[in-house]
Protein backbone atom coordinates (compact mmCIF):
# COMPACT_ATOMS: atom_id res chain seq x y z
CA MET A 1 19.14 166.58 10.68
CA HIS A 2 22.41 165.60 12.84
CA ARG A 3 21.93 167.80 15.11
CA ILE A 4 17.82 166.98 15.56
CA LEU A 5 18.87 163.33 16.20
CA THR A 6 21.40 164.36 18.71
CA SER A 7 19.47 167.02 20.68
CA ALA A 8 16.23 164.58 20.84
CA ALA A 9 18.87 161.60 22.14
CA ALA A 10 19.76 164.27 24.74
CA ALA A 11 15.60 164.87 26.53
CA PHE A 12 15.47 161.15 25.84
CA VAL A 13 18.39 161.04 28.53
CA ILE A 14 16.80 164.24 30.86
CA ALA A 15 13.45 162.39 30.94
CA ALA A 16 14.61 158.91 31.53
CA THR A 17 17.34 160.41 34.43
CA ALA A 18 14.31 162.16 35.63
CA MET A 19 11.93 159.18 36.00
CA ILE A 20 14.70 156.79 37.43
CA ALA A 21 16.34 159.42 40.09
CA PRO A 22 13.03 159.75 42.22
CA ALA A 23 12.92 155.66 42.19
CA ALA A 24 16.89 156.00 43.73
CA ALA A 25 16.11 158.02 46.46
CA ALA A 26 13.21 156.27 47.25
CA CYS A 27 13.58 155.26 51.17
CA ASP A 28 12.06 151.91 52.54
CA LYS A 29 10.69 152.57 55.56
CA ASN A 30 9.90 149.05 56.84
CA PHE A 31 12.64 147.58 59.46
CA THR A 32 12.55 145.09 62.52
CA LEU A 33 12.14 146.42 65.88
CA TYR A 34 13.39 143.81 68.19
CA ASN A 35 12.89 143.86 71.91
CA GLU A 36 16.18 143.39 74.04
CA THR A 37 15.18 144.59 77.50
CA ASP A 38 13.75 143.11 80.75
CA ALA A 39 10.31 144.50 80.03
CA SER A 40 7.24 144.67 77.65
CA ILE A 41 7.17 147.38 74.85
CA LEU A 42 3.87 148.84 75.40
CA HIS A 43 3.81 151.84 73.59
CA LEU A 44 6.52 152.41 70.63
CA TYR A 45 6.50 155.83 68.86
CA VAL A 46 8.37 156.55 65.89
CA SER A 47 8.74 160.47 64.65
CA PRO A 48 10.57 162.69 62.93
CA HIS A 49 13.77 163.86 63.97
CA GLN A 50 13.20 167.30 63.46
CA SER A 51 9.32 167.15 65.39
CA ASN A 52 8.65 168.40 68.69
CA THR A 53 6.13 165.66 69.24
CA TRP A 54 5.75 162.36 69.12
CA GLU A 55 3.13 160.52 66.64
CA ASP A 56 0.90 158.32 67.09
CA ASP A 57 1.66 154.93 69.24
CA LEU A 58 2.31 151.89 66.47
CA ILE A 59 1.52 149.60 69.10
CA THR A 60 -2.67 149.13 68.92
CA ASN A 61 -5.02 147.03 70.01
CA ASN A 62 -3.76 146.29 74.18
CA ALA A 63 -0.71 144.66 72.21
CA SER A 64 2.97 144.51 73.55
CA ILE A 65 5.95 143.66 72.69
CA GLU A 66 7.38 141.00 74.93
CA PRO A 67 11.24 140.95 75.61
CA ASP A 68 13.50 139.06 73.44
CA THR A 69 10.87 139.19 70.58
CA SER A 70 11.00 141.25 67.34
CA TRP A 71 8.35 143.08 65.39
CA HIS A 72 8.10 144.25 62.18
CA ILE A 73 7.40 147.82 61.74
CA ASN A 74 5.99 149.01 58.20
CA MET A 75 6.18 152.95 57.89
CA SER A 76 5.92 152.65 53.96
CA ALA A 77 2.65 154.87 54.15
CA ASP A 78 4.85 157.59 55.39
CA ASP A 79 5.80 159.16 51.95
CA ARG A 80 7.56 162.37 53.78
CA ASP A 81 11.23 162.77 52.44
CA LEU A 82 12.73 162.18 55.72
CA SER A 83 15.17 159.38 56.64
CA LEU A 84 16.10 160.18 60.63
CA TYR A 85 13.63 159.64 62.68
CA ASP A 86 13.27 159.50 67.18
CA VAL A 87 11.80 156.34 68.51
CA LYS A 88 10.33 156.38 71.81
CA ALA A 89 9.18 152.71 73.85
CA LEU A 90 7.64 152.82 76.73
CA LEU A 91 7.89 149.55 79.15
CA ASP A 92 5.30 147.88 81.67
CA ASP A 93 7.85 148.27 83.79
CA GLY A 94 7.42 152.26 84.04
CA SER A 95 10.64 153.19 82.15
CA LYS A 96 10.96 154.41 79.11
CA VAL A 97 13.70 153.90 76.00
CA VAL A 98 14.60 156.90 73.34
CA GLY A 99 16.55 156.50 71.03
CA ALA A 100 17.41 159.96 68.29
CA SER A 101 19.30 160.12 64.66
CA ILE A 102 18.17 156.96 63.40
CA ASN A 103 18.51 156.47 59.94
CA ILE A 104 15.13 154.44 58.73
CA CYS A 105 16.07 154.66 55.04
CA ARG A 106 19.32 152.70 56.46
CA ALA A 107 17.79 150.51 59.04
CA THR A 108 16.63 147.00 58.87
CA LYS A 109 16.84 145.94 62.38
CA VAL A 110 16.07 148.32 65.66
CA TYR A 111 17.22 147.03 68.94
CA VAL A 112 15.45 148.39 71.96
CA TYR A 113 17.91 147.80 75.40
CA ASN A 114 17.06 149.10 78.65
CA ASP A 115 19.45 152.29 78.27
CA HIS A 116 19.44 152.83 74.80
CA VAL A 117 18.66 152.38 70.98
CA THR A 118 20.51 151.14 67.91
CA TYR A 119 20.38 149.74 65.07
CA GLU A 120 21.58 148.26 61.90
């Protein structure tokens, strides 16, 4: 009888761990993007680092992110098991700024400057 209870307890621990593990590994892909450039951001692309193409523009309806303002980015619908993304901002002065290998799972703030992108 003791062996049966031990096996049942072990099965419970394994099942409970399996239910907890996905939640612990979940990645919050929401962050705030800060425009620290001298120009408005007209187009913003965020794509997996290993991708050879850019995803759809996240700025829609002729909107823009003005200098010294921020914009909340919600990528929670992206259920891919990825954490490293690249960010490309196209500015109204014709320039572009690209940041590579941004850990979206850890980033809560992404800063776009005139010549680089950083995060914290």
